[in-house]
Amino acid sequence: MEDDRQSHEPTGADEEADAELEALEQEAADLAARAEQRGGLRGSRRLLVLQAPILIAVAVVLLLWSRGTSVSAAAASAPPAAAPAKIGMVNAYLTAPSDGTVRAYVVIKNNGGTADRLVGASSPWATSISLAEGSSPASLPWITIPAHSTVTLKPGGYSVLLSGLTRTPKAGDTIQLNLNFAASGTVYVFAPEGPASSLTVQDVMDAMKHMDKLPPQ
């Protein structure tokens, strides 16, 4: 019966591998000989073989450490996230009623690092409140308050238009306005009927006694 196996002629790669193996064997033999001469450890060849997994483990640890260092460095170099919007309001006031409507004006400051939008308002003094610009009766969907900026609602520009008045404001009245922002939520402010400078601390304290409802007449 003919042998199906074919003879394998050694290739250059095989010869190179054999040479490397012989070199390792010789190195192990030399190490064992030196250990014997010194009266030291026997079986140095076995020690050389056992050290290989340890060296591989050390290499893996170093590789993982270098990758972790790269990720940490990339995270550290990433730009910081912008600070959120920080809304504040001053100098709110109302114009005298006209044709059943009242316009409110206020200075809105955004001290944060992200823009916000004024999207609406409410008040116990009116059933309908919209955002307007100039004398146009058209309602605006929002008013943008850029980061680190101030937007002034003033005659001829943006305003908060109150209609469907539940009570007509008169000189000396202080009106609660709840302004709704897309990011900052609801921020309330008190506005006098008349110049902004006419508002006193006592006016605000009195108005706060009747939050979200009309004060007694």
C-alpha atoms as a PDB file:
ATOM      1  CA  MET A   1       0.000   0.000   0.000  1.00  0.00           C
ATOM      2  CA  GLU A   2       1.409   3.305  -1.149  1.00  0.00           C
ATOM      3  CA  ASP A   3       2.124   5.913   1.501  1.00  0.00           C
ATOM      4  CA  ASP A   4      -0.157   8.920   0.799  1.00  0.00           C
ATOM      5  CA  ARG A   5       2.045  11.250   2.778  1.00  0.00           C
ATOM      6  CA  GLN A   6       4.311  13.476   0.785  1.00  0.00           C
ATOM      7  CA  SER A   7       7.784  14.417   1.915  1.00  0.00           C
ATOM      8  CA  HIS A   8       8.166  17.987   3.076  1.00  0.00           C
ATOM      9  CA  GLU A   9      11.162  19.894   1.850  1.00  0.00           C
ATOM     10  CA  PRO A  10      12.421  22.445   4.421  1.00  0.00           C
ATOM     11  CA  THR A  11      11.850  26.045   3.423  1.00  0.00           C
ATOM     12  CA  GLY A  12      13.837  29.149   4.247  1.00  0.00           C
ATOM     13  CA  ALA A  13      11.323  30.040   6.983  1.00  0.00           C
ATOM     14  CA  ASP A  14      11.695  26.580   8.536  1.00  0.00           C
ATOM     15  CA  GLU A  15      15.452  26.872   8.511  1.00  0.00           C
ATOM     16  CA  GLU A  16      15.281  30.307  10.125  1.00  0.00           C
ATOM     17  CA  ALA A  17      12.937  29.027  12.844  1.00  0.00           C
ATOM     18  CA  ASP A  18      15.216  26.076  13.503  1.00  0.00           C
ATOM     19  CA  ALA A  19      18.179  28.431  13.784  1.00  0.00           C
ATOM     20  CA  GLU A  20      16.367  30.635  16.302  1.00  0.00           C
ATOM     21  CA  LEU A  21      15.337  27.570  18.324  1.00  0.00           C
ATOM     22  CA  GLU A  22      18.915  26.289  18.359  1.00  0.00           C
ATOM     23  CA  ALA A  23      20.141  29.717  19.489  1.00  0.00           C
ATOM     24  CA  LEU A  24      17.644  29.707  22.360  1.00  0.00           C
ATOM     25  CA  GLU A  25      18.609  26.180  23.275  1.00  0.00           C
ATOM     26  CA  GLN A  26      22.289  27.139  23.270  1.00  0.00           C
ATOM     27  CA  GLU A  27      21.571  30.235  25.390  1.00  0.00           C
ATOM     28  CA  ALA A  28      19.689  28.083  27.896  1.00  0.00           C
ATOM     29  CA  ALA A  29      22.541  25.561  27.943  1.00  0.00           C
ATOM     30  CA  ASP A  30      25.109  28.311  28.535  1.00  0.00           C
ATOM     31  CA  LEU A  31      22.964  29.710  31.342  1.00  0.00           C
ATOM     32  CA  ALA A  32      22.692  26.274  32.925  1.00  0.00           C
ATOM     33  CA  ALA A  33      26.457  25.772  32.648  1.00  0.00           C
ATOM     34  CA  ARG A  34      27.207  29.086  34.325  1.00  0.00           C
ATOM     35  CA  ALA A  35      24.724  28.294  37.069  1.00  0.00           C
ATOM     36  CA  GLU A  36      26.418  24.913  37.635  1.00  0.00           C
ATOM     37  CA  GLN A  37      29.864  26.552  37.775  1.00  0.00           C
ATOM     38  CA  ARG A  38      28.613  28.964  40.427  1.00  0.00           C
ATOM     39  CA  GLY A  39      26.941  26.181  42.365  1.00  0.00           C
ATOM     40  CA  GLY A  40      23.689  27.997  41.762  1.00  0.00           C
ATOM     41  CA  LEU A  41      20.303  27.154  40.339  1.00  0.00           C
ATOM     42  CA  ARG A  42      19.788  23.938  38.395  1.00  0.00           C
ATOM     43  CA  GLY A  43      17.321  23.715  35.595  1.00  0.00           C
ATOM     44  CA  SER A  44      18.077  27.195  34.212  1.00  0.00           C
ATOM     45  CA  ARG A  45      16.581  26.162  30.934  1.00  0.00           C
ATOM     46  CA  ARG A  46      13.246  25.593  32.663  1.00  0.00           C
ATOM     47  CA  LEU A  47      13.585  28.992  34.382  1.00  0.00           C
ATOM     48  CA  LEU A  48      14.091  30.687  31.021  1.00  0.00           C
ATOM     49  CA  VAL A  49      10.939  29.060  29.663  1.00  0.00           C
ATOM     50  CA  LEU A  50       8.895  29.939  32.753  1.00  0.00           C
ATOM     51  CA  GLN A  51       9.947  33.593  32.514  1.00  0.00           C
ATOM     52  CA  ALA A  52       8.337  33.973  29.059  1.00  0.00           C
ATOM     53  CA  PRO A  53       4.680  34.269  30.301  1.00  0.00           C
ATOM     54  CA  ILE A  54       5.796  36.817  32.891  1.00  0.00           C
ATOM     55  CA  LEU A  55       7.466  38.937  30.229  1.00  0.00           C
ATOM     56  CA  ILE A  56       4.342  38.712  28.049  1.00  0.00           C
ATOM     57  CA  ALA A  57       2.126  39.779  30.986  1.00  0.00           C
ATOM     58  CA  VAL A  58       4.385  42.774  31.664  1.00  0.00           C
ATOM     59  CA  ALA A  59       4.203  43.769  27.993  1.00  0.00           C
ATOM     60  CA  VAL A  60       0.373  43.590  28.037  1.00  0.00           C
ATOM     61  CA  VAL A  61       0.190  45.736  31.192  1.00  0.00           C
ATOM     62  CA  LEU A  62       2.494  48.340  29.666  1.00  0.00           C
ATOM     63  CA  LEU A  63       0.398  48.376  26.465  1.00  0.00           C
ATOM     64  CA  LEU A  64      -2.872  48.873  28.385  1.00  0.00           C
ATOM     65  CA  TRP A  65      -1.276  51.586  30.517  1.00  0.00           C
ATOM     66  CA  SER A  66      -0.076  53.474  27.455  1.00  0.00           C
ATOM     67  CA  ARG A  67      -3.545  53.294  25.884  1.00  0.00           C
ATOM     68  CA  GLY A  68      -5.187  54.491  29.102  1.00  0.00           C
ATOM     69  CA  THR A  69      -2.724  57.362  29.287  1.00  0.00           C
ATOM     70  CA  SER A  70      -3.609  58.372  25.722  1.00  0.00           C
ATOM     71  CA  VAL A  71      -7.358  58.342  26.497  1.00  0.00           C
ATOM     72  CA  SER A  72      -6.828  60.333  29.702  1.00  0.00           C
ATOM     73  CA  ALA A  73      -4.704  62.876  27.863  1.00  0.00           C
ATOM     74  CA  ALA A  74      -7.343  63.229  25.145  1.00  0.00           C
ATOM     75  CA  ALA A  75     -10.081  63.723  27.765  1.00  0.00           C
ATOM     76  CA  ALA A  76      -7.977  66.306  29.583  1.00  0.00           C
ATOM     77  CA  SER A  77      -7.353  68.240  26.372  1.00  0.00           C
ATOM     78  CA  ALA A  78     -11.074  68.337  25.439  1.00  0.00           C
ATOM     79  CA  PRO A  79     -12.614  71.821  25.774  1.00  0.00           C
ATOM     80  CA  PRO A  80     -14.826  72.302  28.880  1.00  0.00           C
ATOM     81  CA  ALA A  81     -18.584  72.328  28.401  1.00  0.00           C
ATOM     82  CA  ALA A  82     -20.194  75.757  28.226  1.00  0.00           C
ATOM     83  CA  ALA A  83     -21.828  76.995  31.415  1.00  0.00           C
ATOM     84  CA  PRO A  84     -25.661  76.929  31.359  1.00  0.00           C
ATOM     85  CA  ALA A  85     -27.735  80.053  30.890  1.00  0.00           C
ATOM     86  CA  LYS A  86     -28.101  82.264  33.972  1.00  0.00           C
ATOM     87  CA  ILE A  87     -31.024  84.651  33.652  1.00  0.00           C
ATOM     88  CA  GLY A  88     -31.633  87.785  35.696  1.00  0.00           C
ATOM     89  CA  MET A  89     -34.025  90.704  35.179  1.00  0.00           C
ATOM     90  CA  VAL A  90     -34.058  94.358  36.261  1.00  0.00           C
ATOM     91  CA  ASN A  91     -35.941  97.592  35.594  1.00  0.00           C
ATOM     92  CA  ALA A  92     -39.318  96.031  34.772  1.00  0.00           C
ATOM     93  CA  TYR A  93     -42.264  98.394  34.281  1.00  0.00           C
ATOM     94  CA  LEU A  94     -45.669  98.723  32.562  1.00  0.00           C
ATOM     95  CA  THR A  95     -47.105 101.337  30.253  1.00  0.00           C
ATOM     96  CA  ALA A  96     -50.510 102.851  30.959  1.00  0.00           C
ATOM     97  CA  PRO A  97     -53.399 100.682  29.682  1.00  0.00           C
ATOM     98  CA  SER A  98     -54.533 101.391  26.104  1.00  0.00           C
ATOM     99  CA  ASP A  99     -57.398  99.703  24.256  1.00  0.00           C
ATOM    100  CA  GLY A 100     -57.618  96.996  26.896  1.00  0.00           C
ATOM    101  CA  THR A 101     -53.930  96.072  26.643  1.00  0.00           C
ATOM    102  CA  VAL A 102     -50.799  96.799  28.626  1.00  0.00           C
ATOM    103  CA  ARG A 103     -47.192  96.468  27.479  1.00  0.00           C
ATOM    104  CA  ALA A 104     -44.463  95.361  29.858  1.00  0.00           C
ATOM    105  CA  TYR A 105     -40.770  96.115  29.424  1.00  0.00           C
ATOM    106  CA  VAL A 106     -37.757  94.695  31.226  1.00  0.00           C
ATOM    107  CA  VAL A 107     -33.981  94.308  30.941  1.00  0.00           C
ATOM    108  CA  ILE A 108     -33.012  90.616  30.672  1.00  0.00           C
ATOM    109  CA  LYS A 109     -29.435  89.608  31.442  1.00  0.00           C
ATOM    110  CA  ASN A 110     -27.862  86.252  30.634  1.00  0.00           C
ATOM    111  CA  ASN A 111     -24.658  85.809  32.640  1.00  0.00           C
ATOM    112  CA  GLY A 112     -24.278  82.161  31.584  1.00  0.00           C
ATOM    113  CA  GLY A 113     -22.265  80.592  28.788  1.00  0.00           C
ATOM    114  CA  THR A 114     -25.265  79.259  26.827  1.00  0.00           C
ATOM    115  CA  ALA A 115     -27.998  81.181  25.002  1.00  0.00           C
ATOM    116  CA  ASP A 116     -31.589  80.948  26.234  1.00  0.00           C
ATOM    117  CA  ARG A 117     -34.958  81.934  24.771  1.00  0.00           C
ATOM    118  CA  LEU A 118     -37.896  83.791  26.274  1.00  0.00           C
ATOM    119  CA  VAL A 119     -40.815  81.713  24.995  1.00  0.00           C
ATOM    120  CA  GLY A 120     -43.815  83.093  26.864  1.00  0.00           C
ATOM    121  CA  ALA A 121     -45.230  84.698  29.994  1.00  0.00           C
ATOM    122  CA  SER A 122     -48.168  84.600  32.370  1.00  0.00           C
ATOM    123  CA  SER A 123     -49.693  86.802  35.063  1.00  0.00           C
ATOM    124  CA  PRO A 124     -52.746  86.776  37.320  1.00  0.00           C
ATOM    125  CA  TRP A 125     -53.515  90.206  35.814  1.00  0.00           C
ATOM    126  CA  ALA A 126     -54.232  88.955  32.267  1.00  0.00           C
ATOM    127  CA  THR A 127     -55.736  85.924  30.550  1.00  0.00           C
ATOM    128  CA  SER A 128     -53.563  86.305  27.456  1.00  0.00           C
ATOM    129  CA  ILE A 129     -49.905  87.327  27.201  1.00  0.00           C
ATOM    130  CA  SER A 130     -47.764  87.294  24.082  1.00  0.00           C
ATOM    131  CA  LEU A 131     -44.328  88.418  22.935  1.00  0.00           C
ATOM    132  CA  ALA A 132     -44.386  91.284  20.453  1.00  0.00           C
ATOM    133  CA  GLU A 133     -42.071  93.577  18.521  1.00  0.00           C
ATOM    134  CA  GLY A 134     -42.758  97.251  17.846  1.00  0.00           C
ATOM    135  CA  SER A 135     -46.395  98.095  17.269  1.00  0.00           C
ATOM    136  CA  SER A 136     -47.116  94.862  15.417  1.00  0.00           C
ATOM    137  CA  PRO A 137     -49.929  92.779  16.919  1.00  0.00           C
ATOM    138  CA  ALA A 138     -48.303  89.594  15.614  1.00  0.00           C
ATOM    139  CA  SER A 139     -47.041  87.262  18.303  1.00  0.00           C
ATOM    140  CA  LEU A 140     -43.375  86.208  18.338  1.00  0.00           C
ATOM    141  CA  PRO A 141     -42.542  82.539  19.037  1.00  0.00           C
ATOM    142  CA  TRP A 142     -39.567  83.556  21.199  1.00  0.00           C
ATOM    143  CA  ILE A 143     -36.946  86.198  21.953  1.00  0.00           C
ATOM    144  CA  THR A 144     -33.343  84.954  22.021  1.00  0.00           C
ATOM    145  CA  ILE A 145     -31.120  85.945  24.952  1.00  0.00           C
ATOM    146  CA  PRO A 146     -27.503  85.263  23.848  1.00  0.00           C
ATOM    147  CA  ALA A 147     -24.834  84.061  26.273  1.00  0.00           C
ATOM    148  CA  HIS A 148     -23.062  86.781  28.258  1.00  0.00           C
ATOM    149  CA  SER A 149     -25.467  89.362  26.830  1.00  0.00           C
ATOM    150  CA  THR A 150     -28.278  91.736  27.749  1.00  0.00           C
ATOM    151  CA  VAL A 151     -31.534  92.154  25.837  1.00  0.00           C
ATOM    152  CA  THR A 152     -33.649  95.207  26.651  1.00  0.00           C
ATOM    153  CA  LEU A 153     -37.377  95.120  26.066  1.00  0.00           C
ATOM    154  CA  LYS A 154     -38.298  98.760  25.389  1.00  0.00           C
ATOM    155  CA  PRO A 155     -40.827 100.888  23.464  1.00  0.00           C
ATOM    156  CA  GLY A 156     -40.368 100.455  19.727  1.00  0.00           C
ATOM    157  CA  GLY A 157     -38.607  97.105  20.269  1.00  0.00           C
ATOM    158  CA  TYR A 158     -39.526  93.891  22.019  1.00  0.00           C
ATOM    159  CA  SER A 159     -42.323  93.877  24.591  1.00  0.00           C
ATOM    160  CA  VAL A 160     -44.574  91.582  26.603  1.00  0.00           C
ATOM    161  CA  LEU A 161     -48.167  92.312  25.609  1.00  0.00           C
ATOM    162  CA  LEU A 162     -50.896  91.712  28.203  1.00  0.00           C
ATOM    163  CA  SER A 163     -54.491  91.454  26.995  1.00  0.00           C
ATOM    164  CA  GLY A 164     -57.718  90.067  28.375  1.00  0.00           C
ATOM    165  CA  LEU A 165     -56.994  91.985  31.572  1.00  0.00           C
ATOM    166  CA  THR A 166     -58.579  90.509  34.682  1.00  0.00           C
ATOM    167  CA  ARG A 167     -58.013  93.870  36.342  1.00  0.00           C
ATOM    168  CA  THR A 168     -56.820  97.100  34.767  1.00  0.00           C
ATOM    169  CA  PRO A 169     -53.586  98.258  36.410  1.00  0.00           C
ATOM    170  CA  LYS A 170     -53.492 101.803  37.729  1.00  0.00           C
ATOM    171  CA  ALA A 171     -50.697 104.031  38.924  1.00  0.00           C
ATOM    172  CA  GLY A 172     -49.138 102.565  42.060  1.00  0.00           C
ATOM    173  CA  ASP A 173     -50.058  98.951  41.248  1.00  0.00           C
ATOM    174  CA  THR A 174     -47.292  96.326  41.142  1.00  0.00           C
ATOM    175  CA  ILE A 175     -47.809  93.521  38.639  1.00  0.00           C
ATOM    176  CA  GLN A 176     -46.389  90.001  38.938  1.00  0.00           C
ATOM    177  CA  LEU A 177     -45.001  88.701  35.642  1.00  0.00           C
ATOM    178  CA  ASN A 178     -43.890  85.098  35.187  1.00  0.00           C
ATOM    179  CA  LEU A 179     -41.492  84.939  32.243  1.00  0.00           C
ATOM    180  CA  ASN A 180     -40.941  81.469  30.771  1.00  0.00           C
ATOM    181  CA  PHE A 181     -37.510  80.556  29.360  1.00  0.00           C
ATOM    182  CA  ALA A 182     -36.698  77.458  27.306  1.00  0.00           C
ATOM    183  CA  ALA A 183     -33.702  76.455  29.450  1.00  0.00           C
ATOM    184  CA  SER A 184     -34.025  78.444  32.680  1.00  0.00           C
ATOM    185  CA  GLY A 185     -37.703  77.729  33.281  1.00  0.00           C
ATOM    186  CA  THR A 186     -40.023  80.287  34.864  1.00  0.00           C
ATOM    187  CA  VAL A 187     -38.505  83.442  36.352  1.00  0.00           C
ATOM    188  CA  TYR A 188     -40.829  85.974  37.964  1.00  0.00           C
ATOM    189  CA  VAL A 189     -40.404  89.713  38.178  1.00  0.00           C
ATOM    190  CA  PHE A 190     -42.494  92.561  39.602  1.00  0.00           C
ATOM    191  CA  ALA A 191     -43.322  95.546  37.418  1.00  0.00           C
ATOM    192  CA  PRO A 192     -44.908  98.826  38.550  1.00  0.00           C
ATOM    193  CA  GLU A 193     -47.456 100.679  36.487  1.00  0.00           C
ATOM    194  CA  GLY A 194     -45.229 103.657  35.724  1.00  0.00           C
ATOM    195  CA  PRO A 195     -41.443 104.230  35.625  1.00  0.00           C
ATOM    196  CA  ALA A 196     -39.195 101.374  36.728  1.00  0.00           C
ATOM    197  CA  SER A 197     -37.620 103.694  39.284  1.00  0.00           C
ATOM    198  CA  SER A 198     -40.961 104.011  41.085  1.00  0.00           C
ATOM    199  CA  LEU A 199     -40.766 100.423  42.384  1.00  0.00           C
ATOM    200  CA  THR A 200     -39.803 100.160  46.055  1.00  0.00           C
ATOM    201  CA  VAL A 201     -38.768  97.254  48.255  1.00  0.00           C
ATOM    202  CA  GLN A 202     -42.009  97.627  50.154  1.00  0.00           C
ATOM    203  CA  ASP A 203     -43.971  97.344  46.880  1.00  0.00           C
ATOM    204  CA  VAL A 204     -42.249  94.034  46.134  1.00  0.00           C
ATOM    205  CA  MET A 205     -42.826  92.702  49.657  1.00  0.00           C
ATOM    206  CA  ASP A 206     -46.519  93.571  49.452  1.00  0.00           C
ATOM    207  CA  ALA A 207     -46.858  91.939  46.023  1.00  0.00           C
ATOM    208  CA  MET A 208     -45.173  88.752  47.260  1.00  0.00           C
ATOM    209  CA  LYS A 209     -47.915  88.330  49.846  1.00  0.00           C
ATOM    210  CA  HIS A 210     -50.319  87.616  46.957  1.00  0.00           C
ATOM    211  CA  MET A 211     -48.196  85.472  44.620  1.00  0.00           C
ATOM    212  CA  ASP A 212     -50.058  84.082  41.601  1.00  0.00           C
ATOM    213  CA  LYS A 213     -53.282  85.891  42.459  1.00  0.00           C
ATOM    214  CA  LEU A 214     -54.702  89.387  42.307  1.00  0.00           C
ATOM    215  CA  PRO A 215     -54.090  91.501  45.409  1.00  0.00           C
ATOM    216  CA  PRO A 216     -57.145  92.788  47.251  1.00  0.00           C
ATOM    217  CA  GLN A 217     -58.407  96.170  46.076  1.00  0.00           C
END
